[in-house]
Amino acid sequence: MISRALTAYQEKHGEAGVIAAPFDTELFGHWWHEGPLWIEQVFRVLAKSDIRPLSGSELLEARPPEQVLRLPEGSWGEGGHHWVWLNPRTDWTWKKIYEAEDKVVSLIQKTGGKPPAAAKRYVEQLARTLLLLEASDWQFLITTVSAADYSEMRFAQHFDEIERLLGICARAIEGKAPDAEEQAWFDELAERDSLFEEIDLTWWTKTSK
């Protein structure tokens, strides 16, 4: 059916057609355990056809857009709006996020995104922890009550970690190394939350105009 549709499109318009197939990646292993097997079979079938799979980036490079669409603001949340993330049950999280963002960004900007070498790993971990605090899953899970207690616990944990890291970073920037207890706590945190290896502190020094 897909091959016929693409053939008909090309005959009518004189150029190859494109079929977009967006998926929520949670389907592949989280909510749908057989999802990875299904997507494997899809690609096996495509390999035997004349249909060429491309990523969004590859398609844009091969066929640059000729028109620009202005899309209305919206989301995939309930009702197509932002209520799932901002409502009476979650508004307290945003107050904490904005507070943490102000403190973290201020500290990073004071260094120009290039803290002293001895402080660099501490500030980078601070930035990683901020990104974890900002993850939208916390509000989503609080609203849907699917894992509200866990989400609230994790959110509060990351906020407390940021508060402690701010002190460690400020002292490290001044040339004061953490004491043994702080260093042990930091090492455990850095090992557990070691995501975003290529994090760049200068991301937080750029301001939009």
N, C-alpha and C. Protein backbone atom coordinates (compact mmCIF):
# COMPACT_ATOMS: atom_id res chain seq x y z
N MET A 1 0.83 -1.21 0.00
CA MET A 1 0.00 0.00 0.00
C MET A 1 0.87 1.26 0.00
N ILE A 2 1.93 1.25 0.84
CA ILE A 2 2.81 2.42 0.91
C ILE A 2 3.53 2.62 -0.41
N SER A 3 4.01 1.51 -1.01
CA SER A 3 4.71 1.62 -2.30
C SER A 3 3.79 2.18 -3.37
N ARG A 4 2.54 1.73 -3.37
CA ARG A 4 1.58 2.24 -4.37
C ARG A 4 1.32 3.71 -4.17
N ALA A 5 1.21 4.13 -2.91
CA ALA A 5 0.95 5.54 -2.62
C ALA A 5 2.12 6.40 -3.07
N LEU A 6 3.34 5.95 -2.83
CA LEU A 6 4.52 6.71 -3.25
C LEU A 6 4.65 6.75 -4.77
N THR A 7 4.34 5.63 -5.41
CA THR A 7 4.40 5.59 -6.87
C THR A 7 3.38 6.54 -7.48
N ALA A 8 2.18 6.53 -6.94
CA ALA A 8 1.13 7.41 -7.43
C ALA A 8 1.51 8.87 -7.24
N TYR A 9 2.14 9.17 -6.10
CA TYR A 9 2.56 10.56 -5.83
C TYR A 9 3.61 11.00 -6.85
N GLN A 10 4.57 10.14 -7.12
CA GLN A 10 5.64 10.51 -8.05
C GLN A 10 5.09 10.68 -9.46
N GLU A 11 4.16 9.84 -9.85
CA GLU A 11 3.57 9.97 -11.19
C GLU A 11 2.79 11.27 -11.32
N LYS A 12 2.17 11.68 -10.23
CA LYS A 12 1.35 12.88 -10.27
C LYS A 12 2.17 14.16 -10.17
N HIS A 13 3.20 14.14 -9.31
CA HIS A 13 3.95 15.37 -9.02
C HIS A 13 5.34 15.40 -9.64
N GLY A 14 5.80 14.30 -10.17
CA GLY A 14 7.10 14.28 -10.81
C GLY A 14 8.28 14.29 -9.85
N GLU A 15 8.05 13.97 -8.61
CA GLU A 15 9.14 13.89 -7.64
C GLU A 15 8.79 12.84 -6.59
N ALA A 16 9.82 12.35 -5.92
CA ALA A 16 9.60 11.31 -4.92
C ALA A 16 8.80 11.85 -3.74
N GLY A 17 7.89 11.04 -3.27
CA GLY A 17 7.09 11.44 -2.13
C GLY A 17 7.76 11.07 -0.81
N VAL A 18 7.25 11.63 0.25
CA VAL A 18 7.79 11.38 1.59
C VAL A 18 6.65 11.00 2.52
N ILE A 19 6.86 9.95 3.27
CA ILE A 19 5.89 9.54 4.29
C ILE A 19 6.56 9.70 5.65
N ALA A 20 5.99 10.54 6.50
CA ALA A 20 6.54 10.76 7.84
C ALA A 20 5.97 9.71 8.78
N ALA A 21 6.84 9.12 9.58
CA ALA A 21 6.41 8.10 10.55
C ALA A 21 7.03 8.41 11.90
N PRO A 22 6.47 9.38 12.64
CA PRO A 22 7.03 9.72 13.96
C PRO A 22 6.54 8.74 15.03
N PHE A 23 7.44 8.38 15.92
CA PHE A 23 7.09 7.48 17.01
C PHE A 23 7.59 8.04 18.34
N ASP A 24 6.84 7.78 19.37
CA ASP A 24 7.30 8.07 20.73
C ASP A 24 8.27 6.94 21.09
N THR A 25 9.53 7.27 21.33
CA THR A 25 10.53 6.21 21.55
C THR A 25 10.25 5.37 22.79
N GLU A 26 9.36 5.85 23.67
CA GLU A 26 9.00 5.02 24.82
C GLU A 26 8.32 3.73 24.37
N LEU A 27 7.77 3.74 23.16
CA LEU A 27 7.11 2.54 22.65
C LEU A 27 8.10 1.40 22.42
N PHE A 28 9.36 1.75 22.25
CA PHE A 28 10.34 0.73 21.91
C PHE A 28 11.10 0.25 23.15
N GLY A 29 10.39 -0.51 23.99
CA GLY A 29 11.04 -1.10 25.14
C GLY A 29 10.46 -0.72 26.47
N HIS A 30 9.67 0.37 26.55
CA HIS A 30 9.15 0.80 27.85
C HIS A 30 7.67 0.43 27.99
N TRP A 31 6.83 1.11 27.22
CA TRP A 31 5.40 0.81 27.29
C TRP A 31 5.02 -0.39 26.42
N TRP A 32 5.87 -0.71 25.48
CA TRP A 32 5.55 -1.76 24.51
C TRP A 32 6.78 -2.65 24.36
N HIS A 33 6.85 -3.73 25.15
CA HIS A 33 8.09 -4.50 25.26
C HIS A 33 8.53 -5.12 23.94
N GLU A 34 7.57 -5.40 23.04
CA GLU A 34 7.97 -5.99 21.77
C GLU A 34 8.25 -4.92 20.71
N GLY A 35 8.23 -3.66 21.09
CA GLY A 35 8.47 -2.57 20.15
C GLY A 35 9.76 -2.68 19.37
N PRO A 36 10.90 -2.98 20.04
CA PRO A 36 12.16 -3.10 19.28
C PRO A 36 12.11 -4.20 18.23
N LEU A 37 11.41 -5.30 18.52
CA LEU A 37 11.30 -6.38 17.54
C LEU A 37 10.47 -5.93 16.35
N TRP A 38 9.43 -5.16 16.63
CA TRP A 38 8.56 -4.66 15.56
C TRP A 38 9.33 -3.72 14.64
N ILE A 39 10.07 -2.76 15.23
CA ILE A 39 10.80 -1.80 14.39
C ILE A 39 11.89 -2.50 13.59
N GLU A 40 12.47 -3.58 14.16
CA GLU A 40 13.46 -4.36 13.41
C GLU A 40 12.82 -4.98 12.17
N GLN A 41 11.63 -5.53 12.33
CA GLN A 41 10.95 -6.14 11.20
C GLN A 41 10.57 -5.10 10.15
N VAL A 42 10.20 -3.91 10.59
CA VAL A 42 9.88 -2.84 9.64
C VAL A 42 11.09 -2.54 8.76
N PHE A 43 12.26 -2.42 9.37
CA PHE A 43 13.46 -2.10 8.59
C PHE A 43 13.88 -3.26 7.71
N ARG A 44 13.61 -4.48 8.14
CA ARG A 44 13.92 -5.64 7.29
C ARG A 44 13.04 -5.62 6.03
N VAL A 45 11.78 -5.28 6.21
CA VAL A 45 10.88 -5.18 5.06
C VAL A 45 11.30 -4.05 4.14
N LEU A 46 11.66 -2.90 4.71
CA LEU A 46 12.08 -1.76 3.90
C LEU A 46 13.34 -2.09 3.10
N ALA A 47 14.23 -2.88 3.70
CA ALA A 47 15.48 -3.24 3.02
C ALA A 47 15.24 -4.04 1.75
N LYS A 48 14.09 -4.70 1.68
CA LYS A 48 13.76 -5.51 0.50
C LYS A 48 12.88 -4.74 -0.49
N SER A 49 12.59 -3.49 -0.17
CA SER A 49 11.73 -2.69 -1.04
C SER A 49 12.53 -1.56 -1.67
N ASP A 50 11.84 -0.72 -2.44
CA ASP A 50 12.49 0.43 -3.05
C ASP A 50 12.25 1.69 -2.22
N ILE A 51 11.77 1.51 -0.99
CA ILE A 51 11.54 2.64 -0.08
C ILE A 51 12.81 2.87 0.74
N ARG A 52 13.28 4.09 0.74
CA ARG A 52 14.52 4.42 1.44
C ARG A 52 14.21 5.13 2.76
N PRO A 53 14.55 4.51 3.89
CA PRO A 53 14.31 5.19 5.17
C PRO A 53 15.32 6.30 5.41
N LEU A 54 14.87 7.43 5.90
CA LEU A 54 15.74 8.56 6.21
C LEU A 54 15.34 9.16 7.56
N SER A 55 16.32 9.70 8.24
CA SER A 55 15.99 10.46 9.44
C SER A 55 15.50 11.84 9.02
N GLY A 56 14.92 12.58 9.96
CA GLY A 56 14.46 13.92 9.64
C GLY A 56 15.59 14.81 9.15
N SER A 57 16.75 14.72 9.80
CA SER A 57 17.91 15.54 9.41
C SER A 57 18.39 15.19 8.01
N GLU A 58 18.41 13.90 7.70
CA GLU A 58 18.87 13.47 6.37
C GLU A 58 17.92 13.97 5.28
N LEU A 59 16.63 13.94 5.57
CA LEU A 59 15.66 14.42 4.58
C LEU A 59 15.81 15.91 4.34
N LEU A 60 15.98 16.69 5.41
CA LEU A 60 16.14 18.14 5.26
C LEU A 60 17.40 18.48 4.48
N GLU A 61 18.45 17.69 4.67
CA GLU A 61 19.68 17.93 3.93
C GLU A 61 19.51 17.60 2.45
N ALA A 62 18.78 16.51 2.18
CA ALA A 62 18.58 16.09 0.79
C ALA A 62 17.57 16.97 0.06
N ARG A 63 16.57 17.43 0.80
CA ARG A 63 15.51 18.26 0.20
C ARG A 63 15.22 19.45 1.11
N PRO A 64 16.01 20.49 1.01
CA PRO A 64 15.78 21.67 1.86
C PRO A 64 14.36 22.20 1.67
N PRO A 65 13.72 22.64 2.75
CA PRO A 65 12.36 23.14 2.64
C PRO A 65 12.27 24.41 1.79
N GLU A 66 11.18 24.53 1.05
CA GLU A 66 10.96 25.70 0.21
C GLU A 66 9.91 26.62 0.81
N GLN A 67 9.20 26.13 1.80
CA GLN A 67 8.17 26.94 2.45
C GLN A 67 8.33 26.82 3.96
N VAL A 68 7.89 27.84 4.67
CA VAL A 68 7.94 27.84 6.13
C VAL A 68 6.52 27.93 6.66
N LEU A 69 6.18 27.04 7.56
CA LEU A 69 4.86 27.04 8.17
C LEU A 69 4.93 27.63 9.57
N ARG A 70 3.95 28.39 9.95
CA ARG A 70 3.86 28.91 11.31
C ARG A 70 2.85 28.06 12.08
N LEU A 71 3.35 27.26 12.99
CA LEU A 71 2.49 26.35 13.73
C LEU A 71 1.97 27.01 15.00
N PRO A 72 0.74 26.76 15.37
CA PRO A 72 0.21 27.32 16.62
C PRO A 72 0.86 26.65 17.81
N GLU A 73 0.97 27.36 18.91
CA GLU A 73 1.55 26.79 20.11
C GLU A 73 0.69 25.62 20.61
N GLY A 74 1.33 24.57 21.05
CA GLY A 74 0.59 23.42 21.54
C GLY A 74 1.53 22.36 22.05
N SER A 75 1.00 21.24 22.46
CA SER A 75 1.82 20.14 22.96
C SER A 75 1.09 18.83 22.72
N TRP A 76 1.75 17.73 23.05
CA TRP A 76 1.12 16.42 22.94
C TRP A 76 0.35 16.08 24.21
N GLY A 77 0.35 16.99 25.18
CA GLY A 77 -0.36 16.74 26.43
C GLY A 77 -1.86 16.79 26.24
N GLU A 78 -2.57 16.44 27.28
CA GLU A 78 -4.04 16.39 27.24
C GLU A 78 -4.62 17.71 26.74
N GLY A 79 -5.48 17.63 25.75
CA GLY A 79 -6.12 18.82 25.20
C GLY A 79 -5.22 19.60 24.24
N GLY A 80 -3.99 19.13 24.02
CA GLY A 80 -3.09 19.83 23.12
C GLY A 80 -2.46 21.07 23.72
N HIS A 81 -2.61 21.22 25.05
CA HIS A 81 -2.07 22.42 25.71
C HIS A 81 -1.00 22.02 26.72
N HIS A 82 -0.70 22.90 27.67
CA HIS A 82 0.40 22.67 28.61
C HIS A 82 -0.08 22.34 30.02
N TRP A 83 -1.36 22.09 30.17
CA TRP A 83 -1.92 21.87 31.50
C TRP A 83 -1.26 20.70 32.22
N VAL A 84 -0.89 19.67 31.49
CA VAL A 84 -0.28 18.49 32.12
C VAL A 84 0.97 18.88 32.91
N TRP A 85 1.69 19.89 32.44
CA TRP A 85 2.95 20.28 33.09
C TRP A 85 2.80 21.45 34.05
N LEU A 86 1.79 22.28 33.83
CA LEU A 86 1.60 23.44 34.71
C LEU A 86 0.16 23.49 35.19
N ASN A 87 -0.03 23.13 36.41
CA ASN A 87 -1.36 23.10 37.02
C ASN A 87 -1.18 23.22 38.53
N PRO A 88 -2.26 23.30 39.29
CA PRO A 88 -2.12 23.48 40.74
C PRO A 88 -1.28 22.43 41.45
N ARG A 89 -1.17 21.25 40.87
CA ARG A 89 -0.38 20.20 41.52
C ARG A 89 1.11 20.32 41.22
N THR A 90 1.46 21.07 40.17
CA THR A 90 2.87 21.14 39.77
C THR A 90 3.47 22.54 39.85
N ASP A 91 2.66 23.57 40.15
CA ASP A 91 3.20 24.93 40.10
C ASP A 91 4.35 25.13 41.09
N TRP A 92 4.37 24.38 42.18
CA TRP A 92 5.46 24.50 43.15
C TRP A 92 6.80 24.08 42.55
N THR A 93 6.76 23.13 41.59
CA THR A 93 8.02 22.67 40.99
C THR A 93 8.65 23.77 40.15
N TRP A 94 7.81 24.56 39.47
CA TRP A 94 8.35 25.62 38.61
C TRP A 94 9.00 26.72 39.43
N LYS A 95 8.45 27.00 40.60
CA LYS A 95 9.09 28.00 41.47
C LYS A 95 10.49 27.54 41.87
N LYS A 96 10.62 26.24 42.17
CA LYS A 96 11.93 25.68 42.52
C LYS A 96 12.87 25.69 41.31
N ILE A 97 12.34 25.36 40.14
CA ILE A 97 13.16 25.33 38.93
C ILE A 97 13.71 26.72 38.62
N TYR A 98 12.84 27.73 38.67
CA TYR A 98 13.28 29.09 38.35
C TYR A 98 14.32 29.56 39.37
N GLU A 99 14.11 29.20 40.62
CA GLU A 99 15.08 29.58 41.66
C GLU A 99 16.43 28.93 41.38
N ALA A 100 16.42 27.65 41.07
CA ALA A 100 17.67 26.93 40.79
C ALA A 100 18.33 27.47 39.53
N GLU A 101 17.55 27.72 38.49
CA GLU A 101 18.10 28.24 37.23
C GLU A 101 18.82 29.57 37.46
N ASP A 102 18.19 30.47 38.22
CA ASP A 102 18.80 31.77 38.47
C ASP A 102 20.16 31.63 39.15
N LYS A 103 20.22 30.75 40.14
CA LYS A 103 21.46 30.58 40.89
C LYS A 103 22.55 29.91 40.06
N VAL A 104 22.18 28.86 39.34
CA VAL A 104 23.16 28.12 38.54
C VAL A 104 23.68 28.97 37.39
N VAL A 105 22.78 29.60 36.66
CA VAL A 105 23.20 30.43 35.52
C VAL A 105 24.07 31.59 35.99
N SER A 106 23.71 32.19 37.11
CA SER A 106 24.51 33.30 37.64
C SER A 106 25.92 32.85 37.96
N LEU A 107 26.06 31.69 38.59
CA LEU A 107 27.39 31.18 38.94
C LEU A 107 28.21 30.89 37.69
N ILE A 108 27.58 30.23 36.70
CA ILE A 108 28.31 29.88 35.48
C ILE A 108 28.72 31.13 34.71
N GLN A 109 27.81 32.10 34.64
CA GLN A 109 28.10 33.30 33.87
C GLN A 109 29.21 34.13 34.50
N LYS A 110 29.34 34.04 35.82
CA LYS A 110 30.42 34.76 36.48
C LYS A 110 31.79 34.23 36.05
N THR A 111 31.82 32.97 35.62
CA THR A 111 33.08 32.37 35.16
C THR A 111 33.22 32.46 33.65
N GLY A 112 32.22 33.01 32.98
CA GLY A 112 32.25 33.07 31.52
C GLY A 112 32.14 31.70 30.89
N GLY A 113 31.64 30.74 31.67
CA GLY A 113 31.53 29.37 31.17
C GLY A 113 32.85 28.63 31.20
N LYS A 114 33.87 29.25 31.79
CA LYS A 114 35.20 28.63 31.84
C LYS A 114 35.77 28.76 33.25
N PRO A 115 35.25 27.97 34.18
CA PRO A 115 35.75 28.03 35.55
C PRO A 115 37.18 27.52 35.65
N PRO A 116 37.88 27.80 36.73
CA PRO A 116 39.24 27.28 36.91
C PRO A 116 39.25 25.76 36.75
N ALA A 117 40.35 25.23 36.28
CA ALA A 117 40.44 23.79 36.02
C ALA A 117 40.05 22.95 37.23
N ALA A 118 40.44 23.40 38.42
CA ALA A 118 40.16 22.64 39.63
C ALA A 118 38.67 22.63 39.97
N ALA A 119 37.93 23.59 39.42
CA ALA A 119 36.50 23.68 39.73
C ALA A 119 35.62 23.15 38.61
N LYS A 120 36.21 22.90 37.45
CA LYS A 120 35.44 22.58 36.25
C LYS A 120 34.51 21.38 36.44
N ARG A 121 35.00 20.28 36.98
CA ARG A 121 34.17 19.08 37.10
C ARG A 121 33.00 19.30 38.06
N TYR A 122 33.19 20.15 39.05
CA TYR A 122 32.11 20.43 39.99
C TYR A 122 31.01 21.26 39.33
N VAL A 123 31.44 22.25 38.56
CA VAL A 123 30.46 23.10 37.88
C VAL A 123 29.73 22.32 36.79
N GLU A 124 30.44 21.45 36.09
CA GLU A 124 29.79 20.63 35.07
C GLU A 124 28.73 19.72 35.70
N GLN A 125 29.04 19.17 36.86
CA GLN A 125 28.05 18.32 37.53
C GLN A 125 26.86 19.14 38.00
N LEU A 126 27.11 20.36 38.40
CA LEU A 126 26.02 21.27 38.77
C LEU A 126 25.08 21.47 37.59
N ALA A 127 25.66 21.68 36.41
CA ALA A 127 24.85 21.89 35.20
C ALA A 127 24.08 20.62 34.85
N ARG A 128 24.69 19.46 34.99
CA ARG A 128 23.99 18.20 34.73
C ARG A 128 22.79 18.05 35.66
N THR A 129 22.99 18.37 36.91
CA THR A 129 21.92 18.22 37.89
C THR A 129 20.79 19.19 37.61
N LEU A 130 21.11 20.38 37.12
CA LEU A 130 20.07 21.32 36.73
C LEU A 130 19.22 20.74 35.61
N LEU A 131 19.87 20.12 34.62
CA LEU A 131 19.12 19.52 33.51
C LEU A 131 18.20 18.41 34.02
N LEU A 132 18.66 17.65 34.99
CA LEU A 132 17.81 16.60 35.57
C LEU A 132 16.61 17.22 36.28
N LEU A 133 16.85 18.30 36.99
CA LEU A 133 15.75 18.98 37.69
C LEU A 133 14.72 19.50 36.69
N GLU A 134 15.18 19.94 35.52
CA GLU A 134 14.30 20.55 34.52
C GLU A 134 13.55 19.51 33.68
N ALA A 135 13.82 18.23 33.86
CA ALA A 135 13.16 17.20 33.06
C ALA A 135 11.64 17.30 33.20
N SER A 136 10.94 17.31 32.09
CA SER A 136 9.49 17.50 32.12
C SER A 136 8.73 16.28 32.64
N ASP A 137 9.40 15.14 32.72
CA ASP A 137 8.71 13.94 33.20
C ASP A 137 8.21 14.10 34.63
N TRP A 138 8.90 14.89 35.45
CA TRP A 138 8.46 15.01 36.84
C TRP A 138 7.05 15.58 36.91
N GLN A 139 6.79 16.67 36.20
CA GLN A 139 5.44 17.26 36.23
C GLN A 139 4.41 16.33 35.60
N PHE A 140 4.79 15.68 34.52
CA PHE A 140 3.87 14.78 33.84
C PHE A 140 3.43 13.65 34.77
N LEU A 141 4.38 13.05 35.45
CA LEU A 141 4.06 11.92 36.32
C LEU A 141 3.32 12.36 37.58
N ILE A 142 3.59 13.57 38.05
CA ILE A 142 2.83 14.09 39.19
C ILE A 142 1.38 14.30 38.79
N THR A 143 1.16 14.87 37.63
CA THR A 143 -0.20 15.16 37.17
C THR A 143 -0.99 13.89 36.91
N THR A 144 -0.36 12.90 36.26
CA THR A 144 -1.08 11.67 35.92
C THR A 144 -1.16 10.71 37.09
N VAL A 145 -0.48 11.02 38.18
CA VAL A 145 -0.49 10.22 39.41
C VAL A 145 0.04 8.80 39.16
N SER A 146 0.73 8.60 38.04
CA SER A 146 1.25 7.27 37.75
C SER A 146 2.48 6.95 38.59
N ALA A 147 3.22 7.98 38.98
CA ALA A 147 4.37 7.78 39.86
C ALA A 147 4.64 9.09 40.59
N ALA A 148 3.59 9.66 41.17
CA ALA A 148 3.69 10.99 41.77
C ALA A 148 4.68 11.03 42.92
N ASP A 149 4.60 10.07 43.83
CA ASP A 149 5.50 10.08 45.00
C ASP A 149 6.96 10.00 44.57
N TYR A 150 7.23 9.10 43.62
CA TYR A 150 8.60 8.95 43.14
C TYR A 150 9.08 10.24 42.48
N SER A 151 8.24 10.83 41.66
CA SER A 151 8.63 12.05 40.94
C SER A 151 8.89 13.20 41.90
N GLU A 152 8.03 13.35 42.88
CA GLU A 152 8.23 14.42 43.86
C GLU A 152 9.52 14.19 44.64
N MET A 153 9.80 12.93 44.98
CA MET A 153 11.03 12.61 45.70
C MET A 153 12.26 12.92 44.87
N ARG A 154 12.25 12.49 43.59
CA ARG A 154 13.39 12.74 42.72
C ARG A 154 13.58 14.24 42.49
N PHE A 155 12.49 14.95 42.29
CA PHE A 155 12.58 16.38 42.05
C PHE A 155 13.21 17.07 43.25
N ALA A 156 12.71 16.76 44.44
CA ALA A 156 13.25 17.38 45.65
C ALA A 156 14.72 16.99 45.85
N GLN A 157 15.06 15.77 45.51
CA GLN A 157 16.44 15.30 45.64
C GLN A 157 17.37 16.12 44.76
N HIS A 158 16.99 16.31 43.49
CA HIS A 158 17.84 17.08 42.58
C HIS A 158 17.96 18.54 43.01
N PHE A 159 16.87 19.09 43.55
CA PHE A 159 16.93 20.48 44.02
C PHE A 159 17.90 20.60 45.19
N ASP A 160 17.83 19.66 46.13
CA ASP A 160 18.75 19.69 47.27
C ASP A 160 20.19 19.50 46.81
N GLU A 161 20.39 18.64 45.81
CA GLU A 161 21.74 18.43 45.28
C GLU A 161 22.30 19.71 44.67
N ILE A 162 21.45 20.45 43.98
CA ILE A 162 21.88 21.72 43.39
C ILE A 162 22.30 22.69 44.48
N GLU A 163 21.53 22.76 45.55
CA GLU A 163 21.86 23.67 46.64
C GLU A 163 23.23 23.33 47.22
N ARG A 164 23.49 22.05 47.41
CA ARG A 164 24.78 21.64 47.97
C ARG A 164 25.91 21.85 46.97
N LEU A 165 25.65 21.55 45.71
CA LEU A 165 26.67 21.75 44.67
C LEU A 165 27.03 23.22 44.49
N LEU A 166 26.07 24.09 44.66
CA LEU A 166 26.34 25.52 44.51
C LEU A 166 27.42 25.96 45.50
N GLY A 167 27.31 25.46 46.73
CA GLY A 167 28.31 25.81 47.73
C GLY A 167 29.68 25.23 47.39
N ILE A 168 29.69 23.98 46.96
CA ILE A 168 30.96 23.33 46.58
C ILE A 168 31.60 24.07 45.41
N CYS A 169 30.79 24.41 44.41
CA CYS A 169 31.31 25.09 43.22
C CYS A 169 31.85 26.48 43.56
N ALA A 170 31.11 27.22 44.36
CA ALA A 170 31.54 28.57 44.71
C ALA A 170 32.89 28.53 45.42
N ARG A 171 33.05 27.58 46.33
CA ARG A 171 34.32 27.48 47.04
C ARG A 171 35.44 26.98 46.13
N ALA A 172 35.10 26.04 45.23
CA ALA A 172 36.11 25.52 44.31
C ALA A 172 36.61 26.60 43.36
N ILE A 173 35.71 27.46 42.92
CA ILE A 173 36.10 28.57 42.05
C ILE A 173 37.05 29.51 42.76
N GLU A 174 36.90 29.62 44.08
CA GLU A 174 37.80 30.46 44.87
C GLU A 174 39.08 29.75 45.25
N GLY A 175 39.21 28.50 44.80
CA GLY A 175 40.43 27.75 45.07
C GLY A 175 40.40 26.89 46.30
N LYS A 176 39.21 26.71 46.89
CA LYS A 176 39.07 25.91 48.10
C LYS A 176 38.50 24.54 47.74
N ALA A 177 39.26 23.50 47.94
CA ALA A 177 38.83 22.14 47.60
C ALA A 177 37.80 21.65 48.62
N PRO A 178 36.88 20.78 48.20
CA PRO A 178 35.90 20.22 49.13
C PRO A 178 36.60 19.41 50.22
N ASP A 179 35.98 19.35 51.40
CA ASP A 179 36.55 18.50 52.43
C ASP A 179 36.26 17.04 52.09
N ALA A 180 36.76 16.12 52.90
CA ALA A 180 36.64 14.69 52.60
C ALA A 180 35.20 14.24 52.48
N GLU A 181 34.34 14.73 53.37
CA GLU A 181 32.93 14.32 53.34
C GLU A 181 32.24 14.84 52.09
N GLU A 182 32.48 16.08 51.75
CA GLU A 182 31.87 16.66 50.54
C GLU A 182 32.37 15.95 49.30
N GLN A 183 33.67 15.65 49.26
CA GLN A 183 34.24 14.99 48.09
C GLN A 183 33.65 13.60 47.91
N ALA A 184 33.46 12.87 49.00
CA ALA A 184 32.88 11.53 48.92
C ALA A 184 31.45 11.61 48.40
N TRP A 185 30.70 12.60 48.91
CA TRP A 185 29.32 12.79 48.43
C TRP A 185 29.32 13.14 46.95
N PHE A 186 30.21 14.04 46.55
CA PHE A 186 30.27 14.46 45.15
C PHE A 186 30.64 13.29 44.26
N ASP A 187 31.63 12.51 44.64
CA ASP A 187 32.08 11.38 43.81
C ASP A 187 30.94 10.39 43.58
N GLU A 188 30.15 10.14 44.61
CA GLU A 188 29.01 9.23 44.48
C GLU A 188 27.97 9.81 43.53
N LEU A 189 27.69 11.10 43.67
CA LEU A 189 26.73 11.76 42.79
C LEU A 189 27.21 11.75 41.34
N ALA A 190 28.49 12.08 41.13
CA ALA A 190 29.04 12.16 39.77
C ALA A 190 29.04 10.80 39.09
N GLU A 191 29.24 9.74 39.87
CA GLU A 191 29.22 8.40 39.28
C GLU A 191 27.80 7.99 38.92
N ARG A 192 26.85 8.34 39.78
CA ARG A 192 25.46 7.96 39.55
C ARG A 192 24.84 8.76 38.41
N ASP A 193 25.04 10.06 38.40
CA ASP A 193 24.44 10.93 37.38
C ASP A 193 25.55 11.41 36.43
N SER A 194 26.04 10.50 35.61
CA SER A 194 27.17 10.81 34.72
C SER A 194 26.73 11.03 33.28
N LEU A 195 25.47 11.41 33.08
CA LEU A 195 24.95 11.64 31.74
C LEU A 195 25.49 12.96 31.16
N PHE A 196 25.21 13.17 29.88
CA PHE A 196 25.63 14.40 29.19
C PHE A 196 27.15 14.61 29.29
N GLU A 197 27.91 13.63 28.81
CA GLU A 197 29.37 13.70 28.91
C GLU A 197 29.94 14.91 28.17
N GLU A 198 29.28 15.35 27.11
CA GLU A 198 29.83 16.45 26.31
C GLU A 198 29.23 17.79 26.71
N ILE A 199 28.78 17.90 27.93
CA ILE A 199 28.16 19.14 28.38
C ILE A 199 29.13 20.31 28.24
N ASP A 200 28.62 21.45 27.81
CA ASP A 200 29.44 22.63 27.53
C ASP A 200 28.90 23.78 28.37
N LEU A 201 29.68 24.25 29.31
CA LEU A 201 29.21 25.29 30.23
C LEU A 201 28.91 26.61 29.51
N THR A 202 29.49 26.82 28.34
CA THR A 202 29.22 28.07 27.63
C THR A 202 27.77 28.14 27.14
N TRP A 203 27.06 27.00 27.15
CA TRP A 203 25.64 27.03 26.78
C TRP A 203 24.88 27.99 27.68
N TRP A 204 25.33 28.12 28.90
CA TRP A 204 24.61 28.96 29.88
C TRP A 204 25.15 30.39 29.92
N THR A 205 26.04 30.70 29.00
CA THR A 205 26.56 32.08 28.94
C THR A 205 25.95 32.85 27.79
N LYS A 206 25.18 32.17 26.96
CA LYS A 206 24.58 32.82 25.80
C LYS A 206 23.19 33.31 26.15
N THR A 207 22.91 34.54 25.81
CA THR A 207 21.61 35.13 26.09
C THR A 207 20.91 35.42 24.77
N SER A 208 19.59 35.20 24.76
CA SER A 208 18.81 35.47 23.55
C SER A 208 18.51 36.95 23.45
N LYS A 209 18.41 37.43 22.23
CA LYS A 209 18.12 38.85 22.00
C LYS A 209 16.68 39.02 21.56
